[in-house]
Amino acid sequence: CEPISRYTRFKEAVFGATFRRDGRLLAVGGHEGKVRLFDVQRQGSAGGALKAPLRIYKAHSSPVHKALFSCSGKCIITMADDGSIKLFDISETKSVPLRVIEGAHKDRIRCGTASEISEHIFVSGSYDHQAKVWDTREEGNEPLVCIDHDAPIEAVVLLRGDAVLATAGGTTIKLWDIASGGRLLCTLQNHHKSVTCMCLATNGTRLLSGGLDKRINIFRIDGASYAVVHSLSVPAPVYTLAISGDDQCMAVGMGNLLAIFRRDVSGKHEQTLREAKAVGAGLEYSMKIPMAPPAPEQRQRGGLKYGVDITAPLAPKLHLGRIDILLRQYKHWKAVDVLFRNRHYWENSPDLVVAAFMEIYGRKALPFSLAGRDAETIRPILVFLSRYLFRSNYFTTLSIVASTLFEVYAEVQVDPTLVKYF
């Protein structure tokens, strides 16, 4: 995972980065009260994304933790710690708001969401335990619906065509029928610590929630039960999460950690395993190397053998890396896949890559580990070979890898972009 663009022209901390629905614009709030608008597809002189913002709105005198795009993407809604809400037209260059709602909340506003159906409907959630539904067509500063969550609200999400609102605060998630004035539908209590974030998936039929208890829960919301269909454990408290529209990728923010989960194509790996076995490359399934030493025995002169107990202290337990664990489990194909899908391994740790190839070759599983691959993993393998093949300490092993690779793909039609590497 590598950054595509990097924006560093901020004097203080930034909050609430939000993309427009078409993915072209990015709105970012900040501690200094300004809201910046970036065009992520606009190219600068160096070929990368232009770092200068398109617009800078001097929106509030207090930190802005949430900036939203309206349904059409023509307006930005800003929500600040002073409890005020402002609406800006992105076509205007001046910091003059179209609408100002002073005193919308009595405490800091830390979350909000805009309707995907109506241009004029949006929701704000605050630490004053209240979530409010607003209509910009209404005069005055009174919301359409006001609900009390009984805890500081960290996240809000609109469900079912804006008829149901989900609020997260404390250890609970509550669902409200805003079409009937804010009637409580149900309360979900599946977290042990505070719920910090929510998002929708699978065309709005699944609700994902993350919390400080290091768990991500997935709820089914297309029925009446709102049951948990899956729960995922992560290594640190979850502060934010998002999922792609096709459910293929999920990003989880955990303090100073960022995790990217990618869904593998169903059956693709199993199909490549069957193809590798068909060409006689699945030899490791019939060759099991004993890992445990034989039981110790002792025999004195003229006597019989008898078992003895080892009284010497055991050596400290070693913590194996990911590649060593895969090799220990005889997952040779997966080990090579991990080595060359992560640039960190094959660019910065050539000793580890060569050692893994040497171990796989010793187990006579090298053809299997190289067969059935796509261009995304063949290309880095070829680049690695061209870079390190003629180094004296690597030549013996890598020459065997190169010849095996050519034999495996000699009669296979590969991607045309790979021909130059061969």
Protein backbone atom coordinates (compact mmCIF):
# COMPACT_ATOMS: atom_id res chain seq x y z
CA CYS A 1 0.00 0.00 0.00
CA GLU A 2 1.60 3.24 -1.15
CA PRO A 3 0.29 6.85 -1.03
CA ILE A 4 -0.89 8.21 -4.38
CA SER A 5 -0.86 11.86 -3.31
CA ARG A 6 0.49 13.66 -0.28
CA TYR A 7 -0.77 17.04 0.97
CA THR A 8 1.46 18.72 3.54
CA ARG A 9 0.51 22.40 3.45
CA PHE A 10 -1.14 22.45 6.85
CA LYS A 11 0.00 24.47 9.85
CA GLU A 12 -2.01 22.47 12.38
CA ALA A 13 -3.77 19.12 12.70
CA VAL A 14 -6.32 18.15 10.01
CA PHE A 15 -9.61 16.32 10.59
CA GLY A 16 -12.50 14.75 8.73
CA ALA A 17 -11.15 14.22 5.21
CA THR A 18 -14.16 13.38 3.00
CA PHE A 19 -14.34 12.53 -0.71
CA ARG A 20 -17.13 13.66 -2.98
CA ARG A 21 -19.21 10.82 -4.41
CA ASP A 22 -17.42 10.99 -7.80
CA GLY A 23 -14.01 10.83 -6.09
CA ARG A 24 -12.68 13.99 -7.74
CA LEU A 25 -12.80 16.42 -4.80
CA LEU A 26 -11.56 16.08 -1.23
CA ALA A 27 -12.75 18.28 1.66
CA VAL A 28 -10.54 18.55 4.75
CA GLY A 29 -11.24 20.30 8.04
CA GLY A 30 -8.65 21.38 10.57
CA HIS A 31 -7.81 22.64 14.02
CA GLU A 32 -7.46 26.22 12.80
CA GLY A 33 -11.12 26.32 11.68
CA LYS A 34 -10.45 26.38 7.94
CA VAL A 35 -11.88 23.96 5.38
CA ARG A 36 -9.77 23.17 2.32
CA LEU A 37 -11.00 21.72 -0.96
CA PHE A 38 -8.58 19.69 -3.12
CA ASP A 39 -8.90 18.36 -6.67
CA VAL A 40 -7.25 14.94 -6.35
CA GLN A 41 -7.20 14.36 -10.14
CA ARG A 42 -5.68 17.69 -11.09
CA GLN A 43 -2.05 17.26 -12.13
CA GLY A 44 0.77 19.52 -10.99
CA SER A 45 3.99 20.43 -12.78
CA ALA A 46 5.78 17.35 -11.38
CA GLY A 47 3.13 14.96 -12.69
CA GLY A 48 1.52 14.26 -9.31
CA ALA A 49 -1.63 15.65 -7.80
CA LEU A 50 -1.61 19.42 -7.30
CA LYS A 51 -0.89 20.12 -3.64
CA ALA A 52 -2.42 23.60 -3.55
CA PRO A 53 -6.12 23.58 -2.55
CA LEU A 54 -8.79 24.78 -4.95
CA ARG A 55 -10.66 26.60 -2.18
CA ILE A 56 -9.88 27.67 1.37
CA TYR A 57 -12.93 28.57 3.43
CA LYS A 58 -12.40 30.46 6.69
CA ALA A 59 -15.41 28.67 8.04
CA HIS A 60 -15.18 28.77 11.85
CA SER A 61 -13.15 30.16 14.71
CA SER A 62 -12.96 26.72 16.35
CA PRO A 63 -11.72 23.34 15.03
CA VAL A 64 -13.73 21.72 12.24
CA HIS A 65 -13.92 17.95 12.68
CA LYS A 66 -16.48 17.25 9.94
CA ALA A 67 -16.91 18.55 6.39
CA LEU A 68 -19.56 16.98 4.14
CA PHE A 69 -20.55 17.23 0.50
CA SER A 70 -24.22 17.58 -0.32
CA CYS A 71 -26.01 15.01 -2.48
CA SER A 72 -25.18 16.83 -5.72
CA GLY A 73 -21.64 17.65 -4.59
CA LYS A 74 -22.15 21.37 -5.24
CA CYS A 75 -22.14 22.42 -1.57
CA ILE A 76 -19.97 21.76 1.49
CA ILE A 77 -21.45 21.48 4.97
CA THR A 78 -19.01 22.30 7.79
CA MET A 79 -19.53 21.41 11.47
CA ALA A 80 -17.37 22.90 14.22
CA ASP A 81 -16.56 22.43 17.88
CA ASP A 82 -18.43 25.63 18.77
CA GLY A 83 -21.71 23.89 17.84
CA SER A 84 -22.33 25.86 14.65
CA ILE A 85 -23.01 24.58 11.12
CA LYS A 86 -22.34 26.42 7.85
CA LEU A 87 -23.18 25.70 4.21
CA PHE A 88 -20.85 26.85 1.39
CA ASP A 89 -21.21 26.83 -2.40
CA ILE A 90 -18.02 25.34 -3.87
CA SER A 91 -18.42 27.42 -7.04
CA GLU A 92 -17.89 30.59 -4.98
CA THR A 93 -14.32 31.68 -4.25
CA LYS A 94 -15.17 33.79 -1.21
CA SER A 95 -15.72 32.44 2.30
CA VAL A 96 -19.33 33.65 2.43
CA PRO A 97 -21.69 30.88 3.61
CA LEU A 98 -25.07 30.29 2.00
CA ARG A 99 -26.55 29.31 5.34
CA VAL A 100 -25.43 29.61 8.97
CA ILE A 101 -26.96 27.66 11.86
CA GLU A 102 -25.62 29.14 15.08
CA GLY A 103 -26.03 27.11 18.25
CA ALA A 104 -27.04 23.96 16.39
CA HIS A 105 -25.61 21.97 19.30
CA LYS A 106 -24.55 22.77 22.86
CA ASP A 107 -21.31 20.80 22.63
CA ARG A 108 -18.74 19.78 20.03
CA ILE A 109 -19.99 18.37 16.74
CA ARG A 110 -17.85 15.38 15.82
CA CYS A 111 -19.88 13.53 13.19
CA GLY A 112 -22.41 14.04 10.43
CA THR A 113 -23.78 12.61 7.22
CA ALA A 114 -25.57 13.95 4.17
CA SER A 115 -28.52 12.39 2.40
CA GLU A 116 -27.82 10.52 -0.84
CA ILE A 117 -31.35 11.25 -2.06
CA SER A 118 -32.13 14.85 -1.14
CA GLU A 119 -29.92 17.86 -1.76
CA HIS A 120 -31.27 19.62 1.34
CA ILE A 121 -31.18 16.93 4.07
CA PHE A 122 -28.23 16.26 6.38
CA VAL A 123 -27.64 14.99 9.93
CA SER A 124 -25.31 16.21 12.68
CA GLY A 125 -24.20 14.37 15.84
CA SER A 126 -22.67 15.98 18.91
CA TYR A 127 -21.18 15.33 22.31
CA ASP A 128 -24.33 16.87 23.80
CA HIS A 129 -25.90 13.38 23.28
CA GLN A 130 -28.14 14.67 20.47
CA ALA A 131 -28.40 13.97 16.75
CA LYS A 132 -30.39 16.37 14.60
CA VAL A 133 -31.84 16.10 11.11
CA TRP A 134 -31.73 19.38 9.18
CA ASP A 135 -33.47 20.69 6.05
CA THR A 136 -31.76 23.69 4.47
CA ARG A 137 -35.06 24.80 2.95
CA GLU A 138 -36.54 25.45 6.39
CA GLU A 139 -36.17 28.91 7.86
CA GLY A 140 -34.78 29.38 11.34
CA ASN A 141 -32.45 27.19 13.36
CA GLU A 142 -34.88 24.43 14.31
CA PRO A 143 -34.17 20.85 13.12
CA LEU A 144 -36.72 18.56 11.52
CA VAL A 145 -36.00 15.80 14.05
CA CYS A 146 -34.01 15.80 17.30
CA ILE A 147 -33.12 12.57 19.13
CA ASP A 148 -31.27 11.88 22.39
CA HIS A 149 -28.80 8.99 22.38
CA ASP A 150 -28.00 9.21 26.14
CA ALA A 151 -24.26 9.27 25.37
CA PRO A 152 -21.81 11.42 23.37
CA ILE A 153 -22.41 10.59 19.71
CA GLU A 154 -19.36 9.51 17.69
CA ALA A 155 -20.96 8.46 14.36
CA VAL A 156 -24.23 8.77 12.44
CA VAL A 157 -25.40 6.91 9.31
CA LEU A 158 -28.63 7.20 7.28
CA LEU A 159 -30.25 3.89 6.25
CA ARG A 160 -33.14 2.70 4.06
CA GLY A 161 -33.65 5.71 1.87
CA ASP A 162 -33.20 8.20 4.73
CA ALA A 163 -36.07 6.66 6.72
CA VAL A 164 -33.85 5.19 9.46
CA LEU A 165 -30.96 6.84 11.30
CA ALA A 166 -28.21 4.91 13.13
CA THR A 167 -26.34 6.67 15.93
CA ALA A 168 -23.27 5.36 17.77
CA GLY A 169 -22.26 6.52 21.23
CA GLY A 170 -20.86 4.83 24.28
CA THR A 171 -21.05 1.06 23.83
CA THR A 172 -24.37 1.08 21.95
CA ILE A 173 -25.73 1.65 18.47
CA LYS A 174 -29.33 2.87 18.25
CA LEU A 175 -31.61 2.89 15.22
CA TRP A 176 -34.30 5.55 14.92
CA ASP A 177 -37.32 5.88 12.65
CA ILE A 178 -36.97 9.52 11.63
CA ALA A 179 -39.94 9.26 9.28
CA SER A 180 -42.17 9.00 12.36
CA GLY A 181 -40.45 11.77 14.31
CA GLY A 182 -37.51 9.93 15.85
CA ARG A 183 -39.01 6.74 17.32
CA LEU A 184 -36.45 4.29 18.73
CA LEU A 185 -36.49 1.02 16.76
CA CYS A 186 -33.81 -1.02 18.54
CA THR A 187 -30.55 -0.86 20.47
CA LEU A 188 -27.48 -2.90 19.47
CA GLN A 189 -25.10 -3.73 22.32
CA ASN A 190 -22.34 -5.79 20.71
CA HIS A 191 -19.27 -3.77 21.76
CA HIS A 192 -17.52 -3.81 25.13
CA LYS A 193 -15.99 -0.35 24.75
CA SER A 194 -16.99 2.86 22.98
CA VAL A 195 -18.16 2.62 19.37
CA THR A 196 -16.16 5.12 17.31
CA CYS A 197 -17.24 4.67 13.68
CA MET A 198 -19.82 3.16 11.32
CA CYS A 199 -20.26 2.69 7.58
CA LEU A 200 -22.51 0.86 5.11
CA ALA A 201 -21.63 -2.02 2.79
CA THR A 202 -23.23 -4.45 0.31
CA ASN A 203 -25.55 -1.86 -1.24
CA GLY A 204 -26.71 -0.63 2.15
CA THR A 205 -27.75 -4.05 3.49
CA ARG A 206 -24.85 -4.35 5.95
CA LEU A 207 -23.78 -1.99 8.74
CA LEU A 208 -20.15 -2.08 9.90
CA SER A 209 -19.12 -0.70 13.28
CA GLY A 210 -15.70 -0.32 14.89
CA GLY A 211 -14.81 0.39 18.49
CA LEU A 212 -12.12 0.77 21.10
CA ASP A 213 -12.52 -2.93 21.97
CA LYS A 214 -10.45 -3.80 18.85
CA ARG A 215 -13.42 -5.33 17.05
CA ILE A 216 -15.34 -4.68 13.84
CA ASN A 217 -18.92 -5.98 13.84
CA ILE A 218 -21.02 -6.50 10.72
CA PHE A 219 -24.80 -6.26 11.14
CA ARG A 220 -27.48 -7.38 8.74
CA ILE A 221 -29.94 -4.50 8.34
CA ASP A 222 -32.10 -5.69 5.44
CA GLY A 223 -34.32 -7.62 7.86
CA ALA A 224 -35.99 -6.94 11.17
CA SER A 225 -33.52 -8.70 13.49
CA TYR A 226 -30.36 -6.57 12.96
CA ALA A 227 -28.23 -9.62 13.83
CA VAL A 228 -24.43 -9.76 13.81
CA VAL A 229 -23.38 -11.85 10.81
CA HIS A 230 -19.62 -11.54 11.33
CA SER A 231 -17.14 -10.11 13.81
CA LEU A 232 -13.52 -9.27 13.04
CA SER A 233 -10.70 -8.77 15.54
CA VAL A 234 -7.93 -6.23 14.82
CA PRO A 235 -4.64 -5.52 16.66
CA ALA A 236 -5.53 -2.04 18.01
CA PRO A 237 -8.54 0.15 18.89
CA VAL A 238 -10.47 1.19 15.77
CA TYR A 239 -11.00 4.92 15.20
CA THR A 240 -12.35 4.93 11.65
CA LEU A 241 -13.17 2.54 8.83
CA ALA A 242 -14.39 2.66 5.24
CA ILE A 243 -15.24 0.09 2.57
CA SER A 244 -15.26 0.30 -1.21
CA GLY A 245 -18.51 0.32 -3.14
CA ASP A 246 -17.91 -3.19 -4.53
CA ASP A 247 -16.98 -4.59 -1.08
CA GLN A 248 -13.54 -5.65 -2.36
CA CYS A 249 -11.41 -3.47 -0.07
CA MET A 250 -11.77 -2.19 3.49
CA ALA A 251 -9.55 0.39 5.20
CA VAL A 252 -9.30 0.50 8.99
CA GLY A 253 -7.62 3.35 10.89
CA MET A 254 -6.16 2.39 14.28
CA GLY A 255 -4.21 5.23 15.89
CA ASN A 256 -0.86 5.21 14.06
CA LEU A 257 -1.79 2.01 12.18
CA LEU A 258 -3.63 1.60 8.87
CA ALA A 259 -4.90 -1.81 7.77
CA ILE A 260 -6.11 -2.61 4.25
CA PHE A 261 -8.22 -5.75 3.83
CA ARG A 262 -8.66 -7.07 0.27
CA ARG A 263 -11.09 -9.78 -0.79
CA ASP A 264 -9.47 -12.52 -2.89
CA VAL A 265 -11.26 -13.79 -5.98
CA SER A 266 -13.27 -16.84 -4.93
CA GLY A 267 -11.79 -20.10 -6.19
CA LYS A 268 -8.86 -18.51 -8.02
CA HIS A 269 -6.19 -19.80 -5.67
CA GLU A 270 -7.72 -23.28 -5.54
CA GLN A 271 -7.80 -23.44 -9.34
CA THR A 272 -4.09 -22.61 -9.60
CA LEU A 273 -3.33 -25.35 -7.06
CA ARG A 274 -5.15 -27.93 -9.17
CA GLU A 275 -3.29 -26.80 -12.30
CA ALA A 276 0.05 -27.06 -10.49
CA LYS A 277 -0.74 -30.60 -9.31
CA ALA A 278 -1.72 -31.58 -12.86
CA VAL A 279 1.80 -30.79 -14.13
CA GLY A 280 3.41 -32.74 -11.30
CA ALA A 281 4.38 -29.82 -9.10
CA GLY A 282 2.57 -30.84 -5.92
CA LEU A 283 5.31 -33.06 -4.59
CA GLU A 284 5.38 -31.57 -1.12
CA TYR A 285 2.04 -33.19 -0.32
CA SER A 286 3.72 -36.62 -0.39
CA MET A 287 6.96 -35.54 1.25
CA LYS A 288 6.62 -34.77 4.94
CA ILE A 289 9.80 -33.76 6.72
CA PRO A 290 9.77 -34.75 10.43
CA MET A 291 9.97 -31.68 12.62
CA ALA A 292 10.29 -33.26 16.12
CA PRO A 293 13.49 -35.08 17.21
CA PRO A 294 13.27 -38.77 18.19
CA ALA A 295 12.64 -39.61 21.84
CA PRO A 296 16.00 -39.91 23.70
CA GLU A 297 17.08 -43.36 24.88
CA GLN A 298 19.97 -44.62 26.97
CA ARG A 299 21.67 -48.03 27.26
CA GLN A 300 24.49 -49.11 29.55
CA ARG A 301 26.98 -51.77 28.57
CA GLY A 302 25.32 -55.17 28.66
CA GLY A 303 21.89 -53.72 29.43
CA LEU A 304 18.68 -52.84 27.60
CA LYS A 305 17.63 -49.52 26.16
CA TYR A 306 15.32 -47.36 28.23
CA GLY A 307 13.86 -43.92 27.79
CA VAL A 308 15.26 -40.93 29.63
CA ASP A 309 13.87 -37.49 30.44
CA ILE A 310 15.63 -34.35 29.28
CA THR A 311 16.41 -32.29 32.37
CA ALA A 312 18.27 -29.46 30.64
CA PRO A 313 16.28 -26.22 30.29
CA LEU A 314 14.54 -25.69 26.97
CA ALA A 315 15.86 -23.09 24.59
CA PRO A 316 13.91 -19.80 24.43
CA LYS A 317 10.94 -19.98 22.09
CA LEU A 318 11.59 -18.33 18.76
CA HIS A 319 9.06 -15.97 17.21
CA LEU A 320 8.86 -16.82 13.52
CA GLY A 321 8.16 -14.31 10.80
CA ARG A 322 5.29 -14.61 8.34
CA ILE A 323 7.38 -16.26 5.62
CA ASP A 324 8.83 -18.80 8.06
CA ILE A 325 5.34 -19.64 9.30
CA LEU A 326 4.11 -20.25 5.73
CA LEU A 327 7.10 -22.44 4.95
CA ARG A 328 6.59 -24.36 8.16
CA GLN A 329 3.01 -25.02 7.03
CA TYR A 330 4.26 -26.12 3.56
CA LYS A 331 2.38 -23.27 1.89
CA HIS A 332 5.09 -22.68 -0.70
CA TRP A 333 2.87 -21.02 -3.33
CA LYS A 334 1.47 -18.60 -0.74
CA ALA A 335 4.95 -17.80 0.62
CA VAL A 336 6.20 -16.72 -2.82
CA ASP A 337 2.96 -14.79 -3.33
CA VAL A 338 3.49 -12.82 -0.11
CA LEU A 339 7.16 -12.14 -0.92
CA PHE A 340 6.42 -10.55 -4.29
CA ARG A 341 3.11 -8.81 -3.60
CA ASN A 342 4.79 -6.79 -0.85
CA ARG A 343 7.53 -4.53 -2.20
CA HIS A 344 9.14 -4.38 1.24
CA TYR A 345 10.31 -7.99 0.99
CA TRP A 346 11.79 -8.20 -2.50
CA GLU A 347 13.23 -4.68 -2.57
CA ASN A 348 14.68 -4.42 0.94
CA SER A 349 15.26 -8.05 2.01
CA PRO A 350 16.90 -9.98 -0.87
CA ASP A 351 18.57 -12.36 1.64
CA LEU A 352 15.15 -13.42 2.90
CA VAL A 353 13.83 -14.00 -0.64
CA VAL A 354 16.86 -16.06 -1.71
CA ALA A 355 16.75 -18.09 1.50
CA ALA A 356 13.06 -18.86 0.93
CA PHE A 357 13.76 -19.97 -2.66
CA MET A 358 16.62 -22.17 -1.43
CA GLU A 359 14.36 -23.86 1.12
CA ILE A 360 11.57 -24.39 -1.42
CA TYR A 361 14.05 -25.85 -3.93
CA GLY A 362 15.38 -28.21 -1.27
CA ARG A 363 11.83 -29.51 -0.79
CA LYS A 364 11.49 -30.02 -4.59
CA ALA A 365 8.49 -27.69 -4.68
CA LEU A 366 9.97 -24.84 -6.75
CA PRO A 367 7.92 -25.53 -9.94
CA PHE A 368 4.71 -25.60 -7.91
CA SER A 369 5.51 -22.33 -6.13
CA LEU A 370 6.10 -20.52 -9.46
CA ALA A 371 3.23 -22.00 -11.51
CA GLY A 372 -0.21 -20.50 -12.02
CA ARG A 373 0.73 -16.86 -11.40
CA ASP A 374 -0.59 -13.62 -12.86
CA ALA A 375 1.33 -10.64 -14.19
CA GLU A 376 1.24 -8.84 -10.83
CA THR A 377 3.57 -11.41 -9.24
CA ILE A 378 5.53 -12.58 -12.31
CA ARG A 379 6.76 -9.03 -13.03
CA PRO A 380 8.39 -8.44 -9.60
CA ILE A 381 9.96 -11.93 -9.76
CA LEU A 382 11.57 -11.08 -13.11
CA VAL A 383 12.70 -7.67 -11.84
CA PHE A 384 14.22 -9.32 -8.77
CA LEU A 385 16.08 -11.87 -10.91
CA SER A 386 17.48 -9.21 -13.25
CA ARG A 387 18.65 -7.16 -10.26
CA TYR A 388 20.30 -9.88 -8.12
CA LEU A 389 21.00 -12.85 -10.46
CA PHE A 390 24.67 -12.07 -11.11
CA ARG A 391 25.65 -11.40 -7.53
CA SER A 392 28.08 -14.09 -6.48
CA ASN A 393 26.34 -15.00 -3.22
CA TYR A 394 22.94 -15.33 -4.94
CA PHE A 395 23.85 -16.77 -8.35
CA THR A 396 23.63 -20.48 -7.51
CA THR A 397 20.08 -20.27 -6.16
CA LEU A 398 18.69 -17.61 -8.50
CA SER A 399 20.01 -19.35 -11.62
CA ILE A 400 17.95 -22.42 -10.64
CA VAL A 401 14.92 -20.18 -10.01
CA ALA A 402 15.33 -18.50 -13.40
CA SER A 403 15.64 -21.76 -15.34
CA THR A 404 12.65 -23.23 -13.49
CA LEU A 405 10.57 -20.13 -14.20
CA PHE A 406 11.37 -20.33 -17.92
CA GLU A 407 10.48 -24.03 -18.01
CA VAL A 408 7.14 -23.47 -16.26
CA TYR A 409 6.05 -20.66 -18.59
CA ALA A 410 7.73 -21.86 -21.80
CA GLU A 411 4.44 -23.04 -23.32
CA VAL A 412 2.12 -20.65 -21.48
CA GLN A 413 0.79 -17.46 -23.06
CA VAL A 414 1.81 -14.67 -20.69
CA ASP A 415 0.87 -11.00 -20.55
CA PRO A 416 2.46 -9.09 -23.50
CA THR A 417 3.92 -6.54 -21.07
CA LEU A 418 6.10 -9.28 -19.55
CA VAL A 419 7.82 -10.34 -22.78
CA LYS A 420 10.56 -7.73 -22.45
CA TYR A 421 11.56 -9.10 -19.05
CA PHE A 422 12.05 -12.61 -20.43
